N, C-alpha and C. Protein backbone atom coordinates (compact mmCIF):
# COMPACT_ATOMS: atom_id res chain seq x y z
N MET A 1 -16.31 6.82 4.46
CA MET A 1 -16.00 5.53 4.31
C MET A 1 -16.95 5.18 3.26
N ALA A 2 -16.28 4.55 1.98
CA ALA A 2 -17.10 4.01 1.00
C ALA A 2 -18.30 2.88 1.31
N ILE A 3 -18.94 3.02 0.67
CA ILE A 3 -20.25 1.58 1.07
C ILE A 3 -19.38 0.62 0.34
N PRO A 4 -19.55 -0.44 0.94
CA PRO A 4 -19.11 -1.52 -0.05
C PRO A 4 -20.06 -2.39 -0.50
N ALA A 5 -20.06 -3.17 -1.82
CA ALA A 5 -20.62 -3.44 -2.84
C ALA A 5 -21.37 -4.93 -2.39
N GLN A 6 -22.31 -5.18 -2.79
CA GLN A 6 -22.88 -6.75 -2.71
C GLN A 6 -21.65 -7.56 -3.48
N PRO A 7 -21.47 -8.68 -2.96
CA PRO A 7 -20.69 -9.61 -3.96
C PRO A 7 -21.22 -10.54 -4.75
N GLU A 8 -21.04 -10.92 -5.95
CA GLU A 8 -21.64 -11.69 -7.05
C GLU A 8 -22.47 -12.88 -6.48
N SER A 9 -21.62 -13.50 -5.32
CA SER A 9 -22.26 -14.77 -4.49
C SER A 9 -23.69 -14.36 -3.74
N GLY A 10 -23.61 -13.09 -3.19
CA GLY A 10 -24.74 -12.67 -2.53
C GLY A 10 -24.74 -13.17 -1.18
N LYS A 11 -23.68 -13.89 -0.91
CA LYS A 11 -23.66 -14.18 0.48
C LYS A 11 -22.64 -13.13 1.63
N GLY A 12 -23.23 -11.93 1.36
CA GLY A 12 -23.26 -10.64 2.41
C GLY A 12 -21.96 -9.63 1.65
N VAL A 13 -21.31 -8.90 2.34
CA VAL A 13 -20.94 -8.09 1.75
C VAL A 13 -19.07 -8.23 1.76
N ASP A 14 -19.12 -7.71 0.18
CA ASP A 14 -17.52 -8.17 -0.08
C ASP A 14 -16.66 -6.85 0.43
N PRO A 15 -15.91 -7.37 1.42
CA PRO A 15 -14.82 -6.31 2.12
C PRO A 15 -13.88 -5.41 1.07
N GLU A 16 -13.86 -5.98 -0.08
CA GLU A 16 -12.91 -5.58 -0.78
C GLU A 16 -13.33 -4.95 -2.25
N LYS A 17 -14.63 -4.47 -2.11
CA LYS A 17 -15.25 -3.71 -3.38
C LYS A 17 -16.14 -2.37 -2.80
N VAL A 18 -15.78 -1.24 -3.38
CA VAL A 18 -16.62 0.03 -3.12
C VAL A 18 -17.51 0.44 -4.32
N ILE A 19 -18.36 0.93 -4.10
CA ILE A 19 -19.37 1.17 -5.23
C ILE A 19 -18.90 2.52 -6.12
N ASN A 20 -18.36 3.23 -5.63
CA ASN A 20 -17.79 4.58 -6.12
C ASN A 20 -16.68 5.19 -5.55
N SER A 21 -15.92 5.28 -6.63
CA SER A 21 -14.48 5.72 -6.06
C SER A 21 -14.38 7.07 -5.39
N GLU A 22 -15.59 7.59 -6.14
CA GLU A 22 -15.40 9.27 -5.41
C GLU A 22 -15.82 9.18 -3.92
N LEU A 23 -16.36 8.17 -3.50
CA LEU A 23 -16.67 7.85 -1.82
C LEU A 23 -15.39 7.35 -1.29
N LEU A 24 -14.36 7.88 -1.68
CA LEU A 24 -12.80 7.37 -0.97
C LEU A 24 -12.86 8.09 0.19
N ASP A 25 -12.66 7.68 1.57
CA ASP A 25 -12.36 8.73 2.63
C ASP A 25 -11.12 9.33 2.65
N LYS A 26 -11.44 10.58 2.81
CA LYS A 26 -10.73 12.00 2.87
C LYS A 26 -9.43 12.10 3.86
N SER A 27 -10.03 11.07 4.66
CA SER A 27 -9.10 11.23 6.38
C SER A 27 -7.78 10.34 5.85
N MET A 28 -8.09 9.35 5.26
CA MET A 28 -6.78 8.28 5.05
C MET A 28 -6.26 9.13 3.06
N LEU A 29 -5.29 8.92 3.72
CA LEU A 29 -4.12 8.84 2.32
C LEU A 29 -3.19 8.31 2.19
N VAL A 30 -2.70 7.95 0.97
CA VAL A 30 -1.26 7.06 0.66
C VAL A 30 -0.82 7.61 -0.42
N VAL A 31 -0.02 7.99 -0.31
CA VAL A 31 1.20 8.65 -1.25
C VAL A 31 2.30 7.56 -1.73
N VAL A 32 2.00 7.40 -3.34
CA VAL A 32 3.23 6.68 -3.74
C VAL A 32 3.72 7.55 -4.67
N ILE A 33 5.37 7.52 -4.37
CA ILE A 33 6.16 8.30 -5.10
C ILE A 33 6.98 7.21 -6.01
N MET A 34 7.13 7.27 -7.13
CA MET A 34 7.56 6.66 -7.89
C MET A 34 9.12 7.29 -8.41
N GLY A 35 9.92 6.34 -8.58
CA GLY A 35 11.30 7.16 -8.78
C GLY A 35 11.11 7.43 -10.32
N SER A 36 9.94 6.91 -11.30
CA SER A 36 10.15 7.14 -12.83
C SER A 36 8.85 6.55 -13.12
N ASP A 37 8.78 7.00 -13.93
CA ASP A 37 7.31 6.45 -14.82
C ASP A 37 6.96 5.27 -15.00
N LYS A 38 8.50 4.55 -14.94
CA LYS A 38 8.43 3.12 -15.58
C LYS A 38 7.96 2.52 -14.61
N ASP A 39 7.74 2.75 -12.95
CA ASP A 39 7.76 2.03 -11.71
C ASP A 39 6.21 2.17 -11.84
N LEU A 40 4.89 2.73 -12.55
CA LEU A 40 3.70 2.68 -12.49
C LEU A 40 2.91 1.93 -12.11
N GLU A 41 3.39 0.58 -13.37
CA GLU A 41 2.35 -0.57 -13.22
C GLU A 41 2.52 -1.01 -11.88
N HIS A 42 3.56 -1.32 -11.13
CA HIS A 42 3.89 -1.69 -9.56
C HIS A 42 2.76 -0.88 -8.81
N ALA A 43 3.06 0.38 -8.95
CA ALA A 43 2.29 1.40 -8.40
C ALA A 43 1.07 1.22 -8.01
N LYS A 44 0.14 1.15 -9.28
CA LYS A 44 -1.17 0.94 -9.47
C LYS A 44 -1.94 -0.36 -9.09
N LYS A 45 -0.95 -1.52 -8.68
CA LYS A 45 -1.48 -2.19 -7.86
C LYS A 45 -1.63 -1.66 -6.49
N ILE A 46 -0.85 -1.21 -6.18
CA ILE A 46 -0.87 -0.59 -4.50
C ILE A 46 -2.16 0.16 -4.82
N GLN A 47 -2.33 1.04 -5.35
CA GLN A 47 -3.37 1.85 -5.40
C GLN A 47 -4.50 1.64 -5.96
N LYS A 48 -4.99 0.24 -6.58
CA LYS A 48 -6.05 -0.31 -6.74
C LYS A 48 -6.56 -1.15 -5.41
N ARG A 49 -5.61 -1.65 -4.93
CA ARG A 49 -6.03 -2.51 -3.63
C ARG A 49 -6.32 -1.68 -2.45
N LEU A 50 -5.55 -0.70 -2.22
CA LEU A 50 -6.15 0.62 -1.37
C LEU A 50 -8.00 1.13 -1.57
N ASN A 51 -7.73 1.78 -3.32
CA ASN A 51 -9.19 2.17 -3.32
C ASN A 51 -9.97 1.18 -3.23
N ASN A 52 -9.77 -0.20 -3.47
CA ASN A 52 -11.08 -1.05 -3.30
C ASN A 52 -11.21 -1.13 -1.77
N PHE A 53 -10.67 -0.61 -1.00
CA PHE A 53 -10.89 -0.54 0.51
C PHE A 53 -11.39 0.86 0.64
N GLY A 54 -11.57 1.67 -0.40
CA GLY A 54 -12.02 2.81 0.31
C GLY A 54 -11.41 4.18 0.40
N VAL A 55 -9.97 3.82 0.25
CA VAL A 55 -8.71 4.39 1.00
C VAL A 55 -7.98 5.54 -0.33
N ARG A 56 -7.88 6.63 -0.31
CA ARG A 56 -7.62 7.57 -1.67
C ARG A 56 -5.55 7.31 -1.56
N CYS A 57 -5.58 6.84 -2.92
CA CYS A 57 -4.15 7.05 -2.92
C CYS A 57 -3.63 7.74 -4.18
N GLU A 58 -2.88 8.28 -4.40
CA GLU A 58 -2.07 9.41 -5.04
C GLU A 58 -1.01 8.85 -5.55
N LEU A 59 -0.54 8.71 -6.82
CA LEU A 59 0.80 8.45 -7.35
C LEU A 59 1.50 9.90 -7.85
N ARG A 60 2.54 9.53 -7.64
CA ARG A 60 3.55 10.97 -8.10
C ARG A 60 4.85 10.27 -8.49
N VAL A 61 5.69 11.24 -9.10
CA VAL A 61 7.07 10.63 -9.46
C VAL A 61 8.19 11.90 -9.21
N GLY A 62 9.12 11.51 -8.77
CA GLY A 62 10.14 12.01 -8.12
C GLY A 62 11.13 11.27 -7.76
N SER A 63 12.39 11.57 -7.83
CA SER A 63 13.58 10.87 -7.89
C SER A 63 14.68 11.70 -6.71
N ALA A 64 15.31 10.74 -5.49
CA ALA A 64 15.98 11.38 -4.75
C ALA A 64 17.23 12.02 -5.77
N HIS A 65 17.60 11.28 -6.62
CA HIS A 65 18.94 11.27 -7.14
C HIS A 65 18.78 12.74 -8.16
N LYS A 66 17.85 12.58 -8.78
CA LYS A 66 17.78 13.53 -10.11
C LYS A 66 17.06 14.57 -9.85
N ASN A 67 15.64 14.79 -8.84
CA ASN A 67 15.07 15.83 -8.55
C ASN A 67 14.72 15.71 -7.16
N PRO A 68 15.70 15.70 -5.93
CA PRO A 68 15.12 15.85 -4.92
C PRO A 68 14.67 17.15 -4.49
N ASP A 69 14.98 18.41 -4.81
CA ASP A 69 14.25 19.82 -4.52
C ASP A 69 13.07 19.32 -5.07
N TYR A 70 12.36 18.84 -6.01
CA TYR A 70 11.13 18.51 -6.07
C TYR A 70 10.35 17.78 -5.53
N VAL A 71 10.85 16.73 -5.14
CA VAL A 71 10.20 15.63 -4.08
C VAL A 71 10.24 16.43 -2.45
N LEU A 72 10.93 17.21 -2.22
CA LEU A 72 11.28 17.63 -0.71
C LEU A 72 9.88 18.60 -0.62
N PRO A 73 9.77 19.28 -1.25
CA PRO A 73 8.59 20.27 -1.34
C PRO A 73 7.01 19.63 -1.24
N MET A 74 7.20 18.46 -2.46
CA MET A 74 6.02 17.71 -2.33
C MET A 74 5.47 17.10 -1.21
N MET A 75 6.59 16.40 -0.43
CA MET A 75 6.13 16.03 0.88
C MET A 75 5.50 16.69 1.92
N HIS A 76 6.51 18.10 2.11
CA HIS A 76 6.03 19.03 3.22
C HIS A 76 4.88 19.37 2.51
N ALA A 77 4.42 19.66 1.63
CA ALA A 77 2.88 19.78 1.12
C ALA A 77 2.08 18.72 1.57
N TYR A 78 2.01 17.66 1.26
CA TYR A 78 1.39 16.69 2.10
C TYR A 78 1.46 16.62 3.58
N ASP A 79 2.69 16.58 3.88
CA ASP A 79 2.79 16.24 5.45
C ASP A 79 1.92 17.92 6.28
N ALA A 80 2.32 18.76 5.59
CA ALA A 80 0.91 20.45 6.36
C ALA A 80 -0.33 19.92 6.38
N ASP A 81 -0.90 19.14 5.95
CA ASP A 81 -2.16 18.50 5.68
C ASP A 81 -2.24 17.69 7.08
N THR A 82 -2.62 18.64 8.02
CA THR A 82 -3.03 17.96 9.30
C THR A 82 -4.62 17.15 9.42
N THR A 83 -5.23 17.38 8.09
CA THR A 83 -6.64 16.67 8.27
C THR A 83 -6.68 15.11 8.17
N ARG A 84 -5.77 14.69 7.66
CA ARG A 84 -5.61 13.39 7.39
C ARG A 84 -4.25 12.59 7.54
N GLN A 85 -4.41 11.64 8.29
CA GLN A 85 -3.24 10.37 8.23
C GLN A 85 -3.05 9.84 6.67
N ILE A 86 -1.54 10.24 7.00
CA ILE A 86 -0.62 10.04 5.66
C ILE A 86 0.32 8.87 5.57
N VAL A 87 0.38 7.77 4.73
CA VAL A 87 1.16 6.79 4.70
C VAL A 87 2.05 6.92 3.19
N TYR A 88 3.67 6.94 3.22
CA TYR A 88 4.10 7.34 2.07
C TYR A 88 4.88 5.74 1.59
N PHE A 89 5.07 5.56 0.32
CA PHE A 89 5.38 4.64 -0.07
C PHE A 89 6.61 4.76 -1.76
N ALA A 90 7.66 4.36 -1.75
CA ALA A 90 8.26 4.58 -2.08
C ALA A 90 8.42 3.64 -3.11
N VAL A 91 8.62 3.93 -4.62
CA VAL A 91 8.61 2.61 -5.61
C VAL A 91 9.78 3.03 -6.35
N ALA A 92 10.48 2.50 -6.23
CA ALA A 92 11.76 2.64 -6.93
C ALA A 92 12.61 1.68 -6.81
N GLY A 93 13.48 1.50 -7.93
CA GLY A 93 14.28 0.26 -8.06
C GLY A 93 15.85 0.81 -8.31
N ARG A 94 16.51 0.02 -8.64
CA ARG A 94 18.33 0.39 -8.87
C ARG A 94 18.34 0.81 -7.36
N SER A 95 18.84 1.90 -7.83
CA SER A 95 19.89 2.26 -6.10
C SER A 95 19.02 3.28 -5.66
N ASN A 96 17.68 2.62 -4.85
CA ASN A 96 16.71 2.90 -4.17
C ASN A 96 17.05 3.97 -3.07
N ALA A 97 17.30 5.21 -3.29
CA ALA A 97 17.48 6.30 -2.19
C ALA A 97 16.50 6.75 -1.72
N LEU A 98 15.30 6.71 -2.24
CA LEU A 98 13.97 7.75 -2.27
C LEU A 98 13.63 7.21 -1.08
N GLY A 99 13.50 5.79 -0.62
CA GLY A 99 12.43 5.37 0.20
C GLY A 99 13.58 6.34 1.58
N GLY A 100 14.60 5.98 1.93
CA GLY A 100 15.53 6.25 2.84
C GLY A 100 15.39 8.17 2.89
N PHE A 101 15.75 8.90 1.31
CA PHE A 101 15.39 10.20 1.67
C PHE A 101 13.96 10.56 2.02
N MET A 102 12.85 9.88 1.64
CA MET A 102 11.26 10.44 2.20
C MET A 102 11.48 10.23 3.85
N GLY A 103 12.03 8.97 4.32
CA GLY A 103 11.92 8.44 5.55
C GLY A 103 12.47 9.40 6.45
N GLY A 104 13.82 10.24 5.94
CA GLY A 104 14.25 11.03 6.55
C GLY A 104 14.05 12.19 6.74
N ASN A 105 12.91 12.90 6.03
CA ASN A 105 12.02 14.08 5.90
C ASN A 105 10.81 14.30 6.09
N THR A 106 10.17 13.06 6.82
CA THR A 106 8.94 13.11 7.21
C THR A 106 8.96 12.37 8.43
N LEU A 107 7.99 12.28 9.29
CA LEU A 107 7.19 11.83 10.56
C LEU A 107 6.31 10.33 10.71
N ASN A 108 5.80 10.71 9.23
CA ASN A 108 4.62 9.70 8.75
C ASN A 108 5.76 8.52 8.52
N PRO A 109 4.92 7.64 8.71
CA PRO A 109 5.15 6.23 8.18
C PRO A 109 5.61 6.16 6.33
N VAL A 110 7.22 5.51 6.17
CA VAL A 110 7.50 5.41 4.87
C VAL A 110 8.06 3.93 4.63
N TYR A 111 7.36 3.24 3.58
CA TYR A 111 7.69 1.85 3.43
C TYR A 111 8.45 1.81 1.85
N SER A 112 9.10 1.35 1.60
CA SER A 112 9.95 1.04 0.42
C SER A 112 9.25 0.11 -0.19
N CYS A 113 8.70 -0.26 -1.63
CA CYS A 113 8.41 -1.33 -2.64
C CYS A 113 8.25 -1.44 -3.54
N PRO A 114 10.13 -1.52 -3.75
CA PRO A 114 11.04 -1.73 -4.97
C PRO A 114 10.07 -2.61 -6.08
N PRO A 115 10.25 -2.38 -7.39
CA PRO A 115 9.58 -3.27 -8.14
C PRO A 115 10.54 -4.17 -8.57
N LYS A 116 10.22 -5.28 -8.88
CA LYS A 116 11.11 -6.41 -9.36
C LYS A 116 12.66 -6.30 -8.90
N PRO A 117 12.62 -6.26 -7.59
CA PRO A 117 14.10 -5.99 -7.39
C PRO A 117 15.21 -7.03 -7.62
N ASP A 118 16.39 -6.91 -7.90
CA ASP A 118 17.26 -7.86 -7.84
C ASP A 118 18.16 -7.91 -6.33
N TRP A 119 18.82 -8.88 -6.10
CA TRP A 119 19.11 -8.82 -4.65
C TRP A 119 20.08 -7.37 -4.29
N TYR A 120 20.95 -7.08 -5.36
CA TYR A 120 21.57 -5.85 -5.45
C TYR A 120 20.78 -4.54 -5.30
N ASP A 121 19.93 -4.48 -5.90
CA ASP A 121 18.61 -3.31 -5.94
C ASP A 121 18.45 -3.46 -4.25
N LEU A 122 17.44 -4.79 -4.01
CA LEU A 122 17.06 -4.97 -2.75
C LEU A 122 18.13 -4.19 -1.74
N PHE A 123 19.13 -4.66 -1.82
CA PHE A 123 20.27 -3.96 -0.67
C PHE A 123 20.24 -2.70 -0.64
N SER A 124 20.02 -1.88 -1.44
CA SER A 124 19.89 -0.46 -1.34
C SER A 124 18.70 -0.12 -0.26
N SER A 125 17.73 -0.72 -0.63
CA SER A 125 16.44 -0.54 0.27
C SER A 125 16.39 -0.89 1.62
N THR A 126 17.42 -1.78 1.92
CA THR A 126 17.64 -2.32 3.07
C THR A 126 18.67 -1.91 4.25
N ARG A 127 19.66 -1.33 3.54
CA ARG A 127 20.67 -0.80 4.15
C ARG A 127 20.71 0.91 4.32
N LEU A 128 20.19 1.19 5.56
CA LEU A 128 19.61 2.90 5.72
C LEU A 128 20.55 3.01 7.08
N PRO A 129 20.73 4.71 6.75
CA PRO A 129 21.34 4.90 7.88
C PRO A 129 20.24 5.10 9.48
N SER A 130 21.30 5.23 10.68
CA SER A 130 20.02 5.09 11.94
C SER A 130 19.00 6.08 11.82
N GLU A 131 18.30 5.55 12.59
CA GLU A 131 16.94 6.94 12.68
C GLU A 131 16.29 7.00 11.51
N VAL A 132 16.47 6.21 10.73
CA VAL A 132 15.41 6.31 9.26
C VAL A 132 14.67 4.98 9.08
N PRO A 133 13.79 4.99 9.80
CA PRO A 133 12.79 3.66 9.30
C PRO A 133 12.05 3.55 8.43
N VAL A 134 12.45 2.72 7.37
CA VAL A 134 12.08 2.81 6.29
C VAL A 134 11.97 1.04 5.91
N PRO A 135 10.99 0.27 6.10
CA PRO A 135 10.69 -0.95 5.96
C PRO A 135 10.70 -1.57 4.74
N VAL A 136 10.85 -2.61 3.89
CA VAL A 136 10.51 -3.12 2.96
C VAL A 136 9.55 -3.70 2.60
N ILE A 137 8.84 -3.85 1.92
CA ILE A 137 7.67 -4.88 1.56
C ILE A 137 7.88 -5.11 0.07
N ILE A 138 8.18 -6.06 -0.68
CA ILE A 138 8.32 -6.65 -1.91
C ILE A 138 6.82 -6.69 -2.65
N GLU A 139 5.88 -7.25 -2.14
CA GLU A 139 4.83 -7.31 -2.78
C GLU A 139 3.53 -5.93 -2.97
N PRO A 140 3.61 -5.64 -3.61
CA PRO A 140 2.48 -4.14 -3.78
C PRO A 140 1.06 -4.43 -2.98
N GLU A 141 0.50 -5.58 -3.32
CA GLU A 141 -0.68 -5.91 -2.84
C GLU A 141 -0.34 -5.96 -1.28
N SER A 142 0.47 -6.23 -0.22
CA SER A 142 1.21 -6.47 1.26
C SER A 142 1.57 -5.33 1.48
N ALA A 143 1.94 -4.16 0.37
CA ALA A 143 2.32 -2.95 0.72
C ALA A 143 1.02 -2.41 1.34
N ALA A 144 -0.31 -2.42 0.52
CA ALA A 144 -1.47 -1.77 0.52
C ALA A 144 -1.98 -2.44 1.59
N MET A 145 -1.73 -3.53 2.04
CA MET A 145 -2.80 -4.19 3.08
C MET A 145 -1.71 -3.79 4.61
N THR A 146 -0.60 -3.14 4.41
CA THR A 146 0.32 -2.86 5.66
C THR A 146 -0.41 -1.18 5.77
N ALA A 147 -0.63 -0.49 5.01
CA ALA A 147 -1.37 0.97 5.28
C ALA A 147 -2.54 0.74 5.74
N LEU A 148 -3.37 -0.36 4.99
CA LEU A 148 -4.58 -0.40 5.50
C LEU A 148 -4.63 -0.40 6.85
N ARG A 149 -3.85 -1.80 7.45
CA ARG A 149 -3.79 -1.98 8.81
C ARG A 149 -3.16 -0.82 9.88
N ILE A 150 -2.46 0.24 9.14
CA ILE A 150 -1.98 1.08 10.16
C ILE A 150 -3.69 2.23 10.22
N PHE A 151 -4.36 2.34 9.20
CA PHE A 151 -5.17 3.34 9.07
C PHE A 151 -6.40 2.58 10.08
N ALA A 152 -6.79 0.86 10.25
CA ALA A 152 -7.48 0.26 10.53
C ALA A 152 -7.44 0.49 12.30
N LEU A 153 -6.35 0.58 12.66
CA LEU A 153 -5.90 1.02 14.16
C LEU A 153 -6.87 2.09 15.08
N THR A 154 -6.99 3.22 13.81
CA THR A 154 -8.08 3.73 14.44
C THR A 154 -9.83 4.34 14.35
N ARG A 155 -9.68 3.42 13.27
CA ARG A 155 -11.34 3.31 12.72
C ARG A 155 -11.54 2.07 12.15
N PRO A 156 -12.64 1.89 13.11
CA PRO A 156 -13.45 0.34 13.66
C PRO A 156 -13.98 -0.18 12.35
N GLU A 157 -14.59 0.80 11.51
CA GLU A 157 -15.09 0.12 9.90
C GLU A 157 -14.20 -0.40 9.34
N LEU A 158 -12.95 0.25 9.03
CA LEU A 158 -11.94 -0.48 8.15
C LEU A 158 -11.34 -1.56 8.65
N HIS A 159 -11.46 -1.80 10.04
CA HIS A 159 -10.67 -2.63 10.93
C HIS A 159 -11.65 -4.20 10.39
N GLN A 160 -13.37 -3.74 10.87
CA GLN A 160 -14.14 -5.17 10.53
C GLN A 160 -13.89 -5.09 8.79
N ARG A 161 -13.64 -4.44 8.08
CA ARG A 161 -13.45 -4.75 6.58
C ARG A 161 -12.24 -5.52 6.27
N LEU A 162 -11.42 -5.30 7.33
CA LEU A 162 -10.19 -6.03 7.28
C LEU A 162 -10.46 -7.69 7.63
N GLU A 163 -10.63 -7.54 8.79
CA GLU A 163 -11.38 -8.98 9.35
C GLU A 163 -12.23 -9.50 8.36
N ALA A 164 -13.18 -8.89 7.68
CA ALA A 164 -13.81 -9.78 6.92
C ALA A 164 -12.71 -10.42 5.68
N HIS A 165 -12.05 -9.62 5.32
CA HIS A 165 -11.29 -9.97 4.08
C HIS A 165 -9.90 -11.11 4.55
N GLN A 166 -10.14 -10.84 5.82
CA GLN A 166 -8.57 -11.92 6.02
C GLN A 166 -9.84 -13.36 6.37
N ASP A 167 -10.65 -12.92 7.24
CA ASP A 167 -11.91 -14.15 6.63
C ASP A 167 -12.05 -15.03 5.56
N ASN A 168 -12.12 -14.11 4.41
CA ASN A 168 -12.44 -14.60 3.17
C ASN A 168 -11.31 -15.24 2.50
N VAL A 169 -10.20 -15.16 2.70
CA VAL A 169 -8.58 -15.46 2.27
C VAL A 169 -8.39 -16.94 3.42
N LEU A 170 -9.42 -17.08 4.43
CA LEU A 170 -9.02 -18.41 5.30
C LEU A 170 -9.72 -19.53 4.08
N HIS A 171 -11.29 -18.60 4.38
CA HIS A 171 -12.23 -19.75 3.60
C HIS A 171 -11.51 -20.23 2.30
N ASP A 172 -10.94 -19.41 1.62
CA ASP A 172 -10.80 -19.72 -0.05
C ASP A 172 -9.36 -20.94 0.31
N LEU A 173 -8.52 -20.29 1.39
CA LEU A 173 -7.59 -21.61 1.62
C LEU A 173 -8.17 -22.89 2.26
N ILE A 174 -9.01 -22.81 2.98
CA ILE A 174 -9.20 -24.00 3.59
C ILE A 174 -10.24 -24.71 2.35
N LYS A 175 -11.06 -24.21 1.32
CA LYS A 175 -11.67 -24.33 0.37
C LYS A 175 -10.57 -25.35 -0.30
N ALA A 176 -9.47 -24.83 -0.91
CA ALA A 176 -8.44 -25.03 -1.51
C ALA A 176 -7.93 -26.49 -1.03
N ASP A 177 -7.56 -26.77 0.33
CA ASP A 177 -7.01 -27.53 0.77
C ASP A 177 -8.32 -28.38 0.57
N LYS A 178 -9.39 -28.49 0.73
CA LYS A 178 -10.07 -29.76 0.83
C LYS A 178 -10.16 -30.20 -0.83
N ILE A 179 -10.35 -29.32 -1.35
CA ILE A 179 -10.11 -29.59 -2.81
C ILE A 179 -8.93 -31.06 -3.45
N ILE A 180 -8.33 -30.30 -2.91
CA ILE A 180 -6.45 -31.02 -3.26
C ILE A 180 -6.50 -31.97 -2.37
N SER A 181 -6.64 -32.05 -0.94
CA SER A 181 -6.90 -33.33 -0.48
C SER A 181 -7.43 -34.35 -0.68
N ALA A 182 -9.03 -34.19 -1.28
CA ALA A 182 -9.78 -34.98 -1.85
C ALA A 182 -9.13 -36.12 -3.04
N GLY A 183 -8.37 -34.90 -3.35
CA GLY A 183 -7.53 -35.88 -4.93
C GLY A 183 -6.23 -36.73 -4.21
N ASN A 184 -6.03 -36.91 -3.44
CA ASN A 184 -4.51 -37.41 -2.41
C ASN A 184 -5.06 -39.00 -2.94
N GLY A 185 -5.78 -39.38 -2.92
CA GLY A 185 -5.80 -40.58 -2.83
C GLY A 185 -6.27 -41.63 -4.02
N THR A 186 -5.98 -40.62 -5.15
CA THR A 186 -6.11 -41.48 -6.60
C THR A 186 -4.50 -41.14 -7.51
């Protein structure tokens, strides 16, 4: 596990900062497969959050429509590595068959995280055949947090870092509430 860095405030360990990206835990891997390189900015948001928590995230490009014969061996190669736990994300817009294609070809968790979905694009991610469990998560940071929670089920250190992160979020919300509510009488 990567060693967390001290936050600037000096109030303890910041659970979302790692000192060196080379220290990423090799027992956990998130693979983000994008439908095209146009999805890179969205996918990088997932990668950044995961890397900050010490989890490796690899970005790949492949299409269920245009090159399924390329995507399938790619996934099989990842799945063959039994030394690490893998979570997949499909990041594809328009007619997003990628998530369903991936979910139907692996036993590892697969989530769709479509970039900037319109309602008709989103529908293609949510209406899948039976026995193809691919939930949809719109926000890339929430997608990353989902993978982190999966990994934290068997990793107490990561679980503690997620608890600290959640405590920081709660603290920030309470602080914001106090600032805003103090101005209500004016």
